[in-house]
Amino acid sequence: MHDIADLERRGVVGVFLASEAFADASRLQGEALGFPAPYVLVPHPVQDRTDAELQAVAEQIYPAVVSALTTAG
């Protein structure tokens, strides 16, 4: 989140990806930084997924990522 906030302050658009289990933490961290970083939630858990499962998740959230990037600011 700190990296995204820093990049945004420099004029680089970014989006934060977080596991659904960390939805509240993502929102609160953005508020604590004074920066409502755009974020997209992905199904939890992430680390135990196969490459094929990760690819499927990426394809599923792709529209949300593009939307967050193009409507940010």
C-alpha atoms as a PDB file:
ATOM      1  CA  MET A   1       0.000   0.000   0.000  1.00  0.00           C
ATOM      2  CA  HIS A   2       2.853   2.395   0.795  1.00  0.00           C
ATOM      3  CA  ASP A   3       4.360   1.743  -2.644  1.00  0.00           C
ATOM      4  CA  ILE A   4       1.085   2.438  -4.429  1.00  0.00           C
ATOM      5  CA  ALA A   5       0.571   5.644  -2.440  1.00  0.00           C
ATOM      6  CA  ASP A   6       4.119   6.792  -3.276  1.00  0.00           C
ATOM      7  CA  LEU A   7       3.689   6.013  -6.969  1.00  0.00           C
ATOM      8  CA  GLU A   8       0.336   7.795  -7.093  1.00  0.00           C
ATOM      9  CA  ARG A   9       1.889  10.897  -5.515  1.00  0.00           C
ATOM     10  CA  ARG A  10       4.484  10.788  -8.311  1.00  0.00           C
ATOM     11  CA  GLY A  11       1.762  10.622 -10.954  1.00  0.00           C
ATOM     12  CA  VAL A  12       1.977   6.881 -11.663  1.00  0.00           C
ATOM     13  CA  VAL A  13      -1.435   5.235 -11.545  1.00  0.00           C
ATOM     14  CA  GLY A  14      -1.538   1.992  -9.582  1.00  0.00           C
ATOM     15  CA  VAL A  15      -3.921  -0.441  -8.001  1.00  0.00           C
ATOM     16  CA  PHE A  16      -3.452  -2.585  -4.916  1.00  0.00           C
ATOM     17  CA  LEU A  17      -4.399  -6.269  -5.048  1.00  0.00           C
ATOM     18  CA  ALA A  18      -5.382  -7.912  -1.781  1.00  0.00           C
ATOM     19  CA  SER A  19      -6.853 -11.207  -0.696  1.00  0.00           C
ATOM     20  CA  GLU A  20     -10.501 -10.976   0.348  1.00  0.00           C
ATOM     21  CA  ALA A  21      -9.410 -11.896   3.864  1.00  0.00           C
ATOM     22  CA  PHE A  22      -7.627  -8.534   4.070  1.00  0.00           C
ATOM     23  CA  ALA A  23     -10.425  -6.289   2.794  1.00  0.00           C
ATOM     24  CA  ASP A  24     -10.811  -4.372   6.064  1.00  0.00           C
ATOM     25  CA  ALA A  25      -7.051  -4.083   6.526  1.00  0.00           C
ATOM     26  CA  SER A  26      -6.683  -2.684   2.999  1.00  0.00           C
ATOM     27  CA  ARG A  27      -9.335  -0.050   3.565  1.00  0.00           C
ATOM     28  CA  LEU A  28      -7.954   0.907   6.976  1.00  0.00           C
ATOM     29  CA  GLN A  29      -4.357   1.089   5.739  1.00  0.00           C
ATOM     30  CA  GLY A  30      -5.416   3.448   2.953  1.00  0.00           C
ATOM     31  CA  GLU A  31      -7.262   5.624   5.433  1.00  0.00           C
ATOM     32  CA  ALA A  32      -4.275   5.635   7.813  1.00  0.00           C
ATOM     33  CA  LEU A  33      -2.036   6.801   4.978  1.00  0.00           C
ATOM     34  CA  GLY A  34      -4.550   9.478   4.055  1.00  0.00           C
ATOM     35  CA  PHE A  35      -4.755   7.851   0.686  1.00  0.00           C
ATOM     36  CA  PRO A  36      -7.798   5.971  -0.551  1.00  0.00           C
ATOM     37  CA  ALA A  37      -5.793   3.648  -2.813  1.00  0.00           C
ATOM     38  CA  PRO A  38      -7.862   1.796  -5.352  1.00  0.00           C
ATOM     39  CA  TYR A  39      -7.779  -1.904  -4.652  1.00  0.00           C
ATOM     40  CA  VAL A  40      -9.155  -5.098  -6.072  1.00  0.00           C
ATOM     41  CA  LEU A  41      -9.891  -8.092  -3.891  1.00  0.00           C
ATOM     42  CA  VAL A  42      -8.927 -11.591  -5.008  1.00  0.00           C
ATOM     43  CA  PRO A  43     -10.325 -14.867  -3.671  1.00  0.00           C
ATOM     44  CA  HIS A  44      -8.571 -16.178  -0.564  1.00  0.00           C
ATOM     45  CA  PRO A  45      -6.229 -18.012  -0.212  1.00  0.00           C
ATOM     46  CA  VAL A  46      -3.696 -17.138  -2.890  1.00  0.00           C
ATOM     47  CA  GLN A  47      -0.469 -18.908  -1.927  1.00  0.00           C
ATOM     48  CA  ASP A  48      -1.674 -22.504  -2.307  1.00  0.00           C
ATOM     49  CA  ARG A  49      -3.134 -22.107  -5.791  1.00  0.00           C
ATOM     50  CA  THR A  50      -1.767 -23.831  -8.858  1.00  0.00           C
ATOM     51  CA  ASP A  51      -0.573 -21.826 -11.847  1.00  0.00           C
ATOM     52  CA  ALA A  52      -3.801 -22.690 -13.670  1.00  0.00           C
ATOM     53  CA  GLU A  53      -5.912 -21.516 -10.721  1.00  0.00           C
ATOM     54  CA  LEU A  54      -3.954 -18.259 -10.504  1.00  0.00           C
ATOM     55  CA  GLN A  55      -4.439 -17.712 -14.234  1.00  0.00           C
ATOM     56  CA  ALA A  56      -8.191 -18.216 -13.809  1.00  0.00           C
ATOM     57  CA  VAL A  57      -8.284 -15.722 -10.921  1.00  0.00           C
ATOM     58  CA  ALA A  58      -6.284 -13.204 -12.969  1.00  0.00           C
ATOM     59  CA  GLU A  59      -8.732 -13.517 -15.846  1.00  0.00           C
ATOM     60  CA  GLN A  60     -11.652 -13.148 -13.425  1.00  0.00           C
ATOM     61  CA  ILE A  61     -10.374  -9.933 -11.808  1.00  0.00           C
ATOM     62  CA  TYR A  62      -8.855  -8.376 -14.939  1.00  0.00           C
ATOM     63  CA  PRO A  63     -11.919  -6.184 -15.675  1.00  0.00           C
ATOM     64  CA  ALA A  64     -11.902  -4.855 -12.096  1.00  0.00           C
ATOM     65  CA  VAL A  65      -8.176  -4.043 -12.296  1.00  0.00           C
ATOM     66  CA  VAL A  66      -8.621  -2.181 -15.590  1.00  0.00           C
ATOM     67  CA  SER A  67     -11.593  -0.308 -14.137  1.00  0.00           C
ATOM     68  CA  ALA A  68      -9.639   0.655 -11.003  1.00  0.00           C
ATOM     69  CA  LEU A  69      -6.738   1.908 -13.132  1.00  0.00           C
ATOM     70  CA  THR A  70      -8.845   3.890 -15.552  1.00  0.00           C
ATOM     71  CA  THR A  71     -11.212   5.492 -13.035  1.00  0.00           C
ATOM     72  CA  ALA A  72      -8.563   6.314 -10.395  1.00  0.00           C
ATOM     73  CA  GLY A  73      -7.761   9.889  -9.648  1.00  0.00           C
END
